[in-house]
């Protein structure tokens, strides 16, 4: 909105006065998305993202910006500290300026390399889990409904209570804990 107003000829000083903010802040917001990948913008457009997150994203290549935005979105964490943690764990080759070493206060090069490996493994594991989550939840709900129907049968229920009370108790816990409303 600010960028459109400035493009249409409204002076930044007038916008700053109308919004009650500093003129430098108006110009910063105008250029907020410069250097940000369109895919990352799409992921973050309706989210409460701190403006400093975009400064961190600009330090990464465009594909890594999109990956970071997706990670932030899937974790519902749009803080600067989370973005910096992802930047710290980003491989040197995935930075916008790979020839310049990244410097993170209090983190040695050894620790940074370990964090890069761990984040890459964690991202891979998360994506693998995310891809099967929907199917797993569906199977869980269907299984719980089946167990619920079995436990509603008085003969099955009394048999399990008499001979396998521990299994009967676990079945009841599963039925009580699993429903479409809580998933």
N, C-alpha and C. Protein backbone atom coordinates (compact mmCIF):
# COMPACT_ATOMS: atom_id res chain seq x y z
N UNK A 1 0.83 -1.17 0.00
CA UNK A 1 0.00 0.00 0.00
C UNK A 1 0.88 1.25 0.00
N UNK A 2 1.90 1.24 0.83
CA UNK A 2 2.82 2.38 0.90
C UNK A 2 3.55 2.53 -0.42
N UNK A 3 4.00 1.40 -0.99
CA UNK A 3 4.72 1.45 -2.26
C UNK A 3 3.83 2.01 -3.36
N UNK A 4 2.57 1.59 -3.39
CA UNK A 4 1.64 2.10 -4.41
C UNK A 4 1.41 3.59 -4.26
N UNK A 5 1.27 4.04 -3.02
CA UNK A 5 1.05 5.47 -2.78
C UNK A 5 2.26 6.28 -3.23
N UNK A 6 3.46 5.81 -2.93
CA UNK A 6 4.66 6.54 -3.36
C UNK A 6 4.80 6.50 -4.87
N UNK A 7 4.48 5.35 -5.49
CA UNK A 7 4.54 5.25 -6.95
C UNK A 7 3.55 6.19 -7.63
N UNK A 8 2.45 6.48 -6.95
CA UNK A 8 1.44 7.39 -7.51
C UNK A 8 1.74 8.85 -7.21
N UNK A 9 2.88 9.10 -6.58
CA UNK A 9 3.30 10.49 -6.38
C UNK A 9 3.07 11.08 -5.01
N UNK A 10 2.60 10.30 -4.07
CA UNK A 10 2.41 10.82 -2.72
C UNK A 10 3.77 10.88 -2.04
N UNK A 11 4.17 12.05 -1.53
CA UNK A 11 5.49 12.16 -0.89
C UNK A 11 5.57 11.31 0.38
N UNK A 12 6.75 10.76 0.63
CA UNK A 12 6.97 9.92 1.80
C UNK A 12 6.73 10.70 3.08
N UNK A 13 7.04 11.99 3.07
CA UNK A 13 6.82 12.81 4.28
C UNK A 13 5.33 12.90 4.61
N UNK A 14 4.50 12.98 3.59
CA UNK A 14 3.05 13.06 3.82
C UNK A 14 2.52 11.73 4.37
N UNK A 15 3.00 10.63 3.83
CA UNK A 15 2.59 9.30 4.32
C UNK A 15 3.04 9.13 5.77
N UNK A 16 4.28 9.53 6.06
CA UNK A 16 4.80 9.42 7.42
C UNK A 16 3.96 10.24 8.39
N UNK A 17 3.59 11.46 7.99
CA UNK A 17 2.77 12.31 8.85
C UNK A 17 1.39 11.71 9.07
N UNK A 18 0.80 11.14 8.01
CA UNK A 18 -0.54 10.55 8.11
C UNK A 18 -0.54 9.32 9.01
N UNK A 19 0.54 8.53 8.96
CA UNK A 19 0.62 7.31 9.76
C UNK A 19 1.24 7.55 11.14
N UNK A 20 1.81 8.73 11.31
CA UNK A 20 2.44 9.05 12.59
C UNK A 20 3.72 8.29 12.83
N UNK A 21 4.48 8.05 11.76
CA UNK A 21 5.75 7.33 11.88
C UNK A 21 6.85 8.13 11.20
N UNK A 22 8.08 7.70 11.39
CA UNK A 22 9.24 8.36 10.82
C UNK A 22 9.30 8.12 9.30
N UNK A 23 9.82 9.10 8.58
CA UNK A 23 9.92 9.00 7.12
C UNK A 23 10.84 7.85 6.71
N UNK A 24 11.90 7.60 7.49
CA UNK A 24 12.81 6.49 7.18
C UNK A 24 12.08 5.15 7.26
N UNK A 25 11.17 5.05 8.22
CA UNK A 25 10.39 3.82 8.37
C UNK A 25 9.46 3.62 7.17
N UNK A 26 8.93 4.71 6.64
CA UNK A 26 8.08 4.62 5.44
C UNK A 26 8.90 4.07 4.28
N UNK A 27 10.10 4.58 4.10
CA UNK A 27 10.94 4.11 3.00
C UNK A 27 11.38 2.66 3.23
N UNK A 28 11.62 2.30 4.48
CA UNK A 28 11.98 0.91 4.78
C UNK A 28 10.84 -0.03 4.43
N UNK A 29 9.63 0.36 4.78
CA UNK A 29 8.48 -0.50 4.47
C UNK A 29 8.21 -0.54 2.97
N UNK A 30 8.53 0.53 2.28
CA UNK A 30 8.35 0.55 0.83
C UNK A 30 9.25 -0.50 0.18
N UNK A 31 10.46 -0.63 0.70
CA UNK A 31 11.45 -1.55 0.13
C UNK A 31 11.52 -2.89 0.87
N UNK A 32 10.53 -3.16 1.69
CA UNK A 32 10.54 -4.34 2.55
C UNK A 32 10.71 -5.65 1.78
N UNK A 33 10.08 -5.78 0.64
CA UNK A 33 10.09 -7.04 -0.10
C UNK A 33 11.13 -7.09 -1.22
N UNK A 34 11.96 -6.05 -1.33
CA UNK A 34 13.01 -6.08 -2.35
C UNK A 34 14.00 -7.19 -2.02
N UNK A 35 14.28 -8.05 -2.99
CA UNK A 35 15.23 -9.14 -2.80
C UNK A 35 14.63 -10.38 -2.16
N UNK A 36 13.33 -10.39 -1.98
CA UNK A 36 12.66 -11.56 -1.38
C UNK A 36 12.01 -12.36 -2.51
N UNK A 37 12.17 -13.66 -2.46
CA UNK A 37 11.62 -14.55 -3.49
C UNK A 37 10.10 -14.49 -3.49
N UNK A 38 9.48 -14.47 -4.69
CA UNK A 38 8.01 -14.45 -4.77
C UNK A 38 7.35 -15.59 -4.02
N UNK A 39 7.95 -16.77 -4.04
CA UNK A 39 7.38 -17.90 -3.31
C UNK A 39 7.36 -17.67 -1.81
N UNK A 40 8.41 -17.04 -1.30
CA UNK A 40 8.47 -16.72 0.13
C UNK A 40 7.42 -15.67 0.48
N UNK A 41 7.24 -14.71 -0.41
CA UNK A 41 6.22 -13.66 -0.19
C UNK A 41 4.84 -14.30 -0.13
N UNK A 42 4.57 -15.24 -1.03
CA UNK A 42 3.27 -15.92 -1.04
C UNK A 42 3.02 -16.66 0.26
N UNK A 43 4.04 -17.33 0.78
CA UNK A 43 3.88 -18.09 2.01
C UNK A 43 3.65 -17.17 3.21
N UNK A 44 4.33 -16.02 3.22
CA UNK A 44 4.30 -15.14 4.38
C UNK A 44 3.30 -14.00 4.29
N UNK A 45 2.59 -13.86 3.18
CA UNK A 45 1.79 -12.66 2.95
C UNK A 45 0.67 -12.42 3.96
N UNK A 46 0.08 -13.43 4.52
CA UNK A 46 -1.02 -13.25 5.47
C UNK A 46 -0.59 -13.60 6.90
N UNK A 47 0.70 -13.55 7.16
CA UNK A 47 1.22 -13.95 8.47
C UNK A 47 1.77 -12.73 9.21
N UNK A 48 1.78 -12.80 10.53
CA UNK A 48 2.33 -11.69 11.33
C UNK A 48 3.86 -11.77 11.40
N UNK A 49 4.53 -11.27 10.37
CA UNK A 49 5.97 -11.41 10.25
C UNK A 49 6.64 -10.10 10.63
N UNK A 50 7.63 -10.18 11.50
CA UNK A 50 8.44 -9.04 11.89
C UNK A 50 9.25 -8.58 10.67
N UNK A 51 9.38 -7.28 10.48
CA UNK A 51 10.09 -6.75 9.31
C UNK A 51 11.55 -7.17 9.29
N UNK A 52 12.14 -7.42 10.45
CA UNK A 52 13.55 -7.82 10.49
C UNK A 52 13.76 -9.23 9.92
N UNK A 53 12.71 -10.02 9.86
CA UNK A 53 12.82 -11.36 9.27
C UNK A 53 13.24 -11.24 7.81
N UNK A 54 12.74 -10.21 7.12
CA UNK A 54 13.07 -10.05 5.71
C UNK A 54 14.54 -9.70 5.52
N UNK A 55 15.13 -9.00 6.49
CA UNK A 55 16.57 -8.72 6.43
C UNK A 55 17.35 -10.03 6.50
N UNK A 56 16.89 -10.95 7.33
CA UNK A 56 17.55 -12.25 7.45
C UNK A 56 17.34 -13.06 6.17
N UNK A 57 16.14 -13.03 5.61
CA UNK A 57 15.85 -13.79 4.40
C UNK A 57 16.71 -13.31 3.23
N UNK A 58 16.99 -12.01 3.15
CA UNK A 58 17.80 -11.48 2.04
C UNK A 58 19.21 -12.05 2.03
N UNK A 59 19.66 -12.61 3.13
CA UNK A 59 21.00 -13.18 3.21
C UNK A 59 21.06 -14.57 2.59
N UNK A 60 19.89 -15.10 2.17
CA UNK A 60 19.82 -16.45 1.61
C UNK A 60 19.45 -16.38 0.13
N UNK A 61 19.79 -17.46 -0.57
CA UNK A 61 19.35 -17.57 -1.96
C UNK A 61 17.84 -17.74 -2.00
N UNK A 62 17.25 -17.48 -3.18
CA UNK A 62 15.80 -17.45 -3.27
C UNK A 62 15.15 -18.78 -2.91
N UNK A 63 15.70 -19.89 -3.36
CA UNK A 63 15.08 -21.18 -3.03
C UNK A 63 15.15 -21.43 -1.53
N UNK A 64 16.21 -20.98 -0.88
CA UNK A 64 16.34 -21.15 0.57
C UNK A 64 15.38 -20.21 1.31
N UNK A 65 15.10 -19.03 0.73
CA UNK A 65 14.11 -18.13 1.31
C UNK A 65 12.75 -18.81 1.35
N UNK A 66 12.39 -19.48 0.26
CA UNK A 66 11.10 -20.18 0.20
C UNK A 66 11.07 -21.32 1.22
N UNK A 67 12.15 -22.09 1.31
CA UNK A 67 12.23 -23.18 2.28
C UNK A 67 12.09 -22.64 3.70
N UNK A 68 12.77 -21.53 3.98
CA UNK A 68 12.71 -20.92 5.31
C UNK A 68 11.30 -20.43 5.62
N UNK A 69 10.67 -19.79 4.64
CA UNK A 69 9.29 -19.30 4.84
C UNK A 69 8.35 -20.47 5.10
N UNK A 70 8.54 -21.58 4.39
CA UNK A 70 7.69 -22.75 4.61
C UNK A 70 7.94 -23.37 5.98
N UNK A 71 9.20 -23.41 6.40
CA UNK A 71 9.52 -23.91 7.74
C UNK A 71 8.88 -23.04 8.81
N UNK A 72 9.01 -21.72 8.65
CA UNK A 72 8.43 -20.80 9.61
C UNK A 72 6.91 -20.95 9.66
N UNK A 73 6.31 -21.11 8.50
CA UNK A 73 4.85 -21.24 8.42
C UNK A 73 4.39 -22.56 9.04
N UNK A 74 5.08 -23.64 8.75
CA UNK A 74 4.66 -24.94 9.28
C UNK A 74 4.84 -25.01 10.79
N UNK A 75 5.79 -24.26 11.32
CA UNK A 75 6.01 -24.24 12.76
C UNK A 75 5.24 -23.09 13.43
N UNK A 76 4.58 -22.25 12.63
CA UNK A 76 3.87 -21.06 13.13
C UNK A 76 4.78 -20.20 14.01
N UNK A 77 6.00 -20.05 13.56
CA UNK A 77 6.99 -19.26 14.28
C UNK A 77 7.59 -18.27 13.30
N UNK A 78 7.24 -17.00 13.44
CA UNK A 78 7.67 -15.97 12.50
C UNK A 78 8.59 -14.95 13.17
N UNK A 79 9.34 -15.40 14.15
CA UNK A 79 10.20 -14.49 14.89
C UNK A 79 11.56 -14.33 14.21
N UNK A 80 12.23 -13.24 14.55
CA UNK A 80 13.56 -12.98 14.01
C UNK A 80 14.54 -14.01 14.53
N UNK A 81 14.41 -14.39 15.78
CA UNK A 81 15.35 -15.36 16.35
C UNK A 81 15.25 -16.71 15.64
N UNK A 82 14.03 -17.12 15.26
CA UNK A 82 13.87 -18.38 14.53
C UNK A 82 14.49 -18.26 13.13
N UNK A 83 14.27 -17.14 12.49
CA UNK A 83 14.86 -16.92 11.16
C UNK A 83 16.38 -16.92 11.25
N UNK A 84 16.93 -16.31 12.29
CA UNK A 84 18.39 -16.30 12.47
C UNK A 84 18.92 -17.71 12.74
N UNK A 85 18.15 -18.50 13.48
CA UNK A 85 18.57 -19.88 13.75
C UNK A 85 18.62 -20.68 12.45
N UNK A 86 17.64 -20.46 11.60
CA UNK A 86 17.64 -21.14 10.30
C UNK A 86 18.81 -20.65 9.46
N UNK A 87 19.08 -19.34 9.51
CA UNK A 87 20.22 -18.79 8.78
C UNK A 87 21.52 -19.41 9.29
N UNK A 88 21.65 -19.55 10.60
CA UNK A 88 22.86 -20.14 11.17
C UNK A 88 23.05 -21.57 10.72
N UNK A 89 21.95 -22.27 10.50
CA UNK A 89 22.03 -23.67 10.10
C UNK A 89 22.03 -23.85 8.58
N UNK A 90 21.98 -22.75 7.86
CA UNK A 90 21.98 -22.82 6.39
C UNK A 90 23.40 -23.04 5.88
N UNK A 91 23.51 -23.92 4.91
CA UNK A 91 24.83 -24.19 4.31
C UNK A 91 25.37 -22.93 3.65
N UNK A 92 26.67 -22.80 3.63
CA UNK A 92 27.34 -21.64 3.04
C UNK A 92 26.95 -21.48 1.57
N UNK A 93 26.79 -22.58 0.86
CA UNK A 93 26.45 -22.53 -0.57
C UNK A 93 25.04 -21.99 -0.81
N UNK A 94 24.18 -22.03 0.21
CA UNK A 94 22.80 -21.57 0.06
C UNK A 94 22.62 -20.11 0.45
N UNK A 95 23.70 -19.43 0.77
CA UNK A 95 23.62 -18.01 1.12
C UNK A 95 23.67 -17.16 -0.13
N UNK A 96 23.12 -15.96 -0.05
CA UNK A 96 23.11 -15.04 -1.20
C UNK A 96 24.54 -14.68 -1.60
N UNK A 97 25.42 -14.57 -0.61
CA UNK A 97 26.84 -14.28 -0.87
C UNK A 97 27.66 -15.42 -0.27
N UNK A 98 27.78 -16.54 -1.01
CA UNK A 98 28.44 -17.72 -0.44
C UNK A 98 29.94 -17.53 -0.20
N UNK A 99 30.54 -16.54 -0.87
CA UNK A 99 31.97 -16.31 -0.70
C UNK A 99 32.29 -15.60 0.62
N UNK A 100 31.29 -14.94 1.22
CA UNK A 100 31.50 -14.28 2.50
C UNK A 100 31.10 -15.23 3.62
N UNK A 101 32.00 -15.48 4.57
CA UNK A 101 31.65 -16.39 5.66
C UNK A 101 30.59 -15.76 6.56
N UNK A 102 29.64 -16.58 6.99
CA UNK A 102 28.62 -16.06 7.90
C UNK A 102 29.19 -16.04 9.31
N UNK A 103 28.88 -14.99 10.01
CA UNK A 103 29.39 -14.83 11.36
C UNK A 103 28.21 -14.72 12.30
N UNK A 104 28.11 -15.65 13.20
CA UNK A 104 27.05 -15.66 14.21
C UNK A 104 27.75 -15.54 15.57
N UNK A 105 27.38 -14.55 16.34
CA UNK A 105 28.02 -14.31 17.64
C UNK A 105 27.86 -15.52 18.56
N UNK A 106 28.98 -15.95 19.13
CA UNK A 106 28.94 -17.04 20.10
C UNK A 106 28.88 -18.43 19.49
N UNK A 107 29.02 -18.54 18.17
CA UNK A 107 28.94 -19.85 17.52
C UNK A 107 30.23 -20.08 16.73
N UNK A 108 30.92 -21.17 17.02
CA UNK A 108 32.15 -21.49 16.30
C UNK A 108 31.82 -22.13 14.95
N UNK A 109 32.81 -22.20 14.10
CA UNK A 109 32.61 -22.80 12.77
C UNK A 109 32.23 -24.27 12.90
N UNK A 110 32.79 -24.94 13.88
CA UNK A 110 32.47 -26.35 14.12
C UNK A 110 31.01 -26.52 14.53
N UNK A 111 30.55 -25.67 15.44
CA UNK A 111 29.17 -25.72 15.89
C UNK A 111 28.21 -25.39 14.74
N UNK A 112 28.62 -24.45 13.91
CA UNK A 112 27.79 -24.05 12.78
C UNK A 112 27.64 -25.19 11.78
N UNK A 113 28.72 -25.90 11.51
CA UNK A 113 28.67 -27.04 10.59
C UNK A 113 27.77 -28.13 11.16
N UNK A 114 27.85 -28.36 12.46
CA UNK A 114 27.00 -29.37 13.10
C UNK A 114 25.53 -28.96 13.02
N UNK A 115 25.26 -27.67 13.25
CA UNK A 115 23.88 -27.19 13.16
C UNK A 115 23.34 -27.33 11.74
N UNK A 116 24.18 -27.05 10.74
CA UNK A 116 23.76 -27.21 9.34
C UNK A 116 23.34 -28.64 9.06
N UNK A 117 24.16 -29.59 9.51
CA UNK A 117 23.84 -31.01 9.29
C UNK A 117 22.56 -31.40 10.02
N UNK A 118 22.45 -30.96 11.27
CA UNK A 118 21.27 -31.30 12.07
C UNK A 118 19.99 -30.71 11.48
N UNK A 119 20.05 -29.46 11.02
CA UNK A 119 18.85 -28.84 10.45
C UNK A 119 18.46 -29.53 9.15
N UNK A 120 19.45 -29.91 8.35
CA UNK A 120 19.15 -30.60 7.11
C UNK A 120 18.47 -31.95 7.39
N UNK A 121 18.98 -32.67 8.37
CA UNK A 121 18.38 -33.95 8.76
C UNK A 121 16.99 -33.73 9.34
N UNK A 122 16.84 -32.74 10.19
CA UNK A 122 15.56 -32.43 10.80
C UNK A 122 14.53 -32.02 9.74
N UNK A 123 14.93 -31.21 8.78
CA UNK A 123 14.02 -30.80 7.71
C UNK A 123 13.57 -32.00 6.89
N UNK A 124 14.50 -32.90 6.60
CA UNK A 124 14.16 -34.11 5.84
C UNK A 124 13.17 -34.97 6.62
N UNK A 125 13.45 -35.16 7.91
CA UNK A 125 12.55 -35.97 8.75
C UNK A 125 11.18 -35.32 8.87
N UNK A 126 11.16 -34.01 9.02
CA UNK A 126 9.89 -33.29 9.15
C UNK A 126 9.05 -33.43 7.89
N UNK A 127 9.68 -33.28 6.74
CA UNK A 127 8.94 -33.42 5.47
C UNK A 127 8.41 -34.83 5.29
N UNK A 128 9.20 -35.82 5.70
CA UNK A 128 8.74 -37.20 5.58
C UNK A 128 7.54 -37.44 6.49
N UNK A 129 7.58 -36.90 7.69
CA UNK A 129 6.46 -37.04 8.62
C UNK A 129 5.25 -36.29 8.12
N UNK A 130 5.48 -35.08 7.62
CA UNK A 130 4.38 -34.24 7.13
C UNK A 130 3.65 -34.90 5.97
N UNK A 131 4.39 -35.60 5.12
CA UNK A 131 3.77 -36.21 3.94
C UNK A 131 2.83 -37.37 4.31
N UNK A 132 3.08 -38.02 5.43
CA UNK A 132 2.23 -39.16 5.81
C UNK A 132 1.26 -38.82 6.93
N UNK A 133 1.31 -37.62 7.48
CA UNK A 133 0.51 -37.26 8.64
C UNK A 133 -0.99 -37.42 8.39
N UNK A 134 -1.48 -36.93 7.28
CA UNK A 134 -2.92 -37.00 6.98
C UNK A 134 -3.41 -38.43 6.92
N UNK A 135 -2.67 -39.29 6.24
CA UNK A 135 -3.05 -40.70 6.15
C UNK A 135 -3.01 -41.38 7.53
N UNK A 136 -1.99 -41.03 8.32
CA UNK A 136 -1.87 -41.63 9.65
C UNK A 136 -3.05 -41.23 10.54
N UNK A 137 -3.44 -39.96 10.48
CA UNK A 137 -4.57 -39.49 11.28
C UNK A 137 -5.86 -40.18 10.85
N UNK A 138 -6.04 -40.31 9.55
CA UNK A 138 -7.23 -40.99 9.05
C UNK A 138 -7.28 -42.43 9.55
N UNK A 139 -6.16 -43.14 9.46
CA UNK A 139 -6.11 -44.52 9.95
C UNK A 139 -6.39 -44.59 11.45
N UNK A 140 -5.87 -43.64 12.20
CA UNK A 140 -6.10 -43.61 13.64
C UNK A 140 -7.58 -43.40 13.96
N UNK A 141 -8.21 -42.47 13.29
CA UNK A 141 -9.62 -42.19 13.54
C UNK A 141 -10.49 -43.39 13.16
N UNK A 142 -10.20 -43.97 12.01
CA UNK A 142 -10.97 -45.15 11.59
C UNK A 142 -10.78 -46.32 12.55
N UNK A 143 -9.55 -46.54 12.99
CA UNK A 143 -9.28 -47.62 13.93
C UNK A 143 -9.98 -47.37 15.26
N UNK A 144 -9.95 -46.13 15.72
CA UNK A 144 -10.61 -45.80 16.99
C UNK A 144 -12.12 -46.00 16.89
N UNK A 145 -12.70 -45.63 15.76
CA UNK A 145 -14.14 -45.84 15.58
C UNK A 145 -14.46 -47.34 15.59
N UNK A 146 -13.63 -48.14 14.95
CA UNK A 146 -13.84 -49.59 14.94
C UNK A 146 -13.74 -50.15 16.35
N UNK A 147 -12.72 -49.74 17.10
CA UNK A 147 -12.56 -50.19 18.48
C UNK A 147 -13.75 -49.74 19.32
N UNK A 148 -14.23 -48.53 19.07
CA UNK A 148 -15.40 -48.03 19.78
C UNK A 148 -16.62 -48.89 19.53
N UNK A 149 -16.81 -49.30 18.30
CA UNK A 149 -17.95 -50.18 17.98
C UNK A 149 -17.80 -51.54 18.64
N UNK A 150 -16.55 -52.05 18.67
CA UNK A 150 -16.32 -53.33 19.35
C UNK A 150 -16.62 -53.21 20.85
N UNK A 151 -16.17 -52.13 21.46
CA UNK A 151 -16.36 -51.94 22.89
C UNK A 151 -17.83 -51.66 23.23
N UNK A 152 -18.60 -51.20 22.25
CA UNK A 152 -20.03 -50.97 22.47
C UNK A 152 -20.80 -52.29 22.48
N UNK A 153 -20.22 -53.35 21.94
CA UNK A 153 -20.84 -54.68 21.96
C UNK A 153 -20.67 -55.25 23.37
N UNK A 154 -21.78 -55.50 24.07
CA UNK A 154 -21.68 -55.97 25.46
C UNK A 154 -20.92 -57.29 25.62
N UNK A 155 -21.04 -58.19 24.67
CA UNK A 155 -20.35 -59.48 24.79
C UNK A 155 -18.83 -59.29 24.67
N UNK A 156 -18.40 -58.49 23.70
CA UNK A 156 -16.96 -58.25 23.52
C UNK A 156 -16.41 -57.50 24.72
N UNK A 157 -17.14 -56.49 25.15
CA UNK A 157 -16.70 -55.68 26.28
C UNK A 157 -16.57 -56.50 27.56
N UNK A 158 -17.55 -57.33 27.86
CA UNK A 158 -17.49 -58.15 29.08
C UNK A 158 -16.38 -59.20 28.98
N UNK A 159 -16.17 -59.77 27.80
CA UNK A 159 -15.10 -60.74 27.62
C UNK A 159 -13.74 -60.08 27.89
N UNK A 160 -13.51 -58.89 27.29
CA UNK A 160 -12.24 -58.21 27.50
C UNK A 160 -12.06 -57.79 28.96
N UNK A 161 -13.13 -57.33 29.60
CA UNK A 161 -13.05 -56.92 31.00
C UNK A 161 -12.69 -58.10 31.90
N UNK A 162 -13.25 -59.28 31.59
CA UNK A 162 -13.02 -60.46 32.42
C UNK A 162 -11.63 -61.05 32.19
N UNK A 163 -11.20 -61.15 30.95
CA UNK A 163 -9.97 -61.86 30.64
C UNK A 163 -8.76 -60.95 30.37
N UNK A 164 -9.00 -59.73 29.88
CA UNK A 164 -7.90 -58.82 29.53
C UNK A 164 -8.25 -57.39 29.96
N UNK A 165 -8.32 -57.14 31.24
CA UNK A 165 -8.72 -55.81 31.71
C UNK A 165 -7.76 -54.70 31.29
N UNK A 166 -6.47 -55.02 31.16
CA UNK A 166 -5.52 -54.00 30.74
C UNK A 166 -5.77 -53.58 29.29
N UNK A 167 -6.03 -54.52 28.42
CA UNK A 167 -6.34 -54.22 27.01
C UNK A 167 -7.66 -53.47 26.92
N UNK A 168 -8.63 -53.90 27.69
CA UNK A 168 -9.92 -53.22 27.69
C UNK A 168 -9.76 -51.76 28.12
N UNK A 169 -8.97 -51.52 29.14
CA UNK A 169 -8.72 -50.15 29.60
C UNK A 169 -8.04 -49.30 28.53
N UNK A 170 -7.07 -49.89 27.84
CA UNK A 170 -6.37 -49.15 26.78
C UNK A 170 -7.32 -48.86 25.61
N UNK A 171 -8.16 -49.81 25.26
CA UNK A 171 -9.14 -49.57 24.20
C UNK A 171 -10.06 -48.42 24.57
N UNK A 172 -10.50 -48.40 25.82
CA UNK A 172 -11.38 -47.31 26.28
C UNK A 172 -10.65 -45.96 26.21
N UNK A 173 -9.37 -45.95 26.58
CA UNK A 173 -8.58 -44.71 26.50
C UNK A 173 -8.44 -44.23 25.06
N UNK A 174 -8.22 -45.16 24.14
CA UNK A 174 -8.10 -44.81 22.73
C UNK A 174 -9.40 -44.21 22.21
N UNK A 175 -10.50 -44.85 22.54
CA UNK A 175 -11.81 -44.36 22.09
C UNK A 175 -12.10 -42.98 22.67
N UNK A 176 -11.76 -42.78 23.94
CA UNK A 176 -12.04 -41.50 24.60
C UNK A 176 -11.13 -40.39 24.06
N UNK A 177 -9.89 -40.73 23.71
CA UNK A 177 -8.93 -39.71 23.30
C UNK A 177 -8.99 -39.37 21.82
N UNK A 178 -9.56 -40.21 21.01
CA UNK A 178 -9.50 -40.03 19.57
C UNK A 178 -10.87 -39.64 19.02
N UNK A 179 -10.91 -38.47 18.43
CA UNK A 179 -12.12 -38.05 17.72
C UNK A 179 -11.70 -37.04 16.67
N UNK A 180 -12.56 -36.77 15.72
CA UNK A 180 -12.23 -35.82 14.66
C UNK A 180 -12.11 -34.42 15.19
N UNK A 181 -12.78 -34.08 16.29
CA UNK A 181 -12.73 -32.73 16.82
C UNK A 181 -11.39 -32.39 17.43
N UNK A 182 -10.68 -33.37 17.99
CA UNK A 182 -9.41 -33.10 18.65
C UNK A 182 -8.23 -33.25 17.73
N UNK A 183 -8.41 -33.73 16.53
CA UNK A 183 -7.30 -33.95 15.60
C UNK A 183 -7.10 -32.72 14.77
